Amino acid sequence: MVLPVRFVLMRPRNAENLGAAARALKNCGLSDWAWVTPEVEDLGPAHRLAVHAEDVLGGVKRPDTLDAAVSDCVWVVGTSSRKVEGKRRLSPRAVGEELVARAKQGPVALVFGDERSGLTNAEVERCHDLSAVPTAPEQPSINLAQAVLLYAYEVRMAHLADSAPPPGPLPLAATDAELARVEATLEALLGAGGFLVDEKPGRTAVRDLVAPLRRSRLTRNEARLWLAALHTVRKHFPGRDDP
């Protein structure tokens, strides 16, 4: 999957998070990401956690500012639970879908704050829209690498849905008349077999039995198969006319 979707990490502090984030991006077919002024010196732990994602870890960009990281982007979303007038607060799923849609026009970016304090007020203002994970109030914050995986997954799912081949033509649905014939044939069969004793309650029973067939939206071929099966069983009750 080649999508111009960039994950921007502001001031990341934990090497393990960087390695896990690299693996998460690789899991979801993504590789465009950037660290802005990382506060990590020893990347050894990152390499240990970036299993089969060393290429993603090694290919990270290191711009000096958020402006430089997103200068070519047509849409920038910040991950923050803050409410800011004039900025939408989107769910991760909505963000994934819109990132994929807008990526057709140019690069797009998703910005994550540092593990300790998140995005600054200035960084939030720099973003076009915001997004937050609807976590439980008892534990509202999530790990940086987990957040990267969650959003990367939503991007991948949106991309797969967007690139899926169009569905083929639907089979012809059974008409109301065909379903009525199934119902009448079933009623005759149940009457011949002694299941229906009282005509009025019998009609209610038959309708209840046919209701699931109507709800299932039988195709024309399925309705004809039901009729053929019912007529075959009906032959075991000689002397009674078919409907």
Foldseek 3Di string as FASTA:
>chain_A
DDFLEEEEEEQAEDLLLLLLLLLLCVVLVHQHYEYANHNDDDNVNSVVSNVVRVVSSVPHHYDHDPCVSCVFAPAEEEEDPDDDPQAAEDELLVVLLVLRVCSVVHHYYYYWYYPPPIDDPVVNVVHRHYYYYPDDPVDRDDDNSVVSNSSSVSNSVNVCVVPDDDDDDDAAFADPVLLVLLLQLVLQLCVLVVNDDDVVVSSVVSCVVSVVVVVVRHGNVRSVVSVVVSVVSSVVRPPGDGD
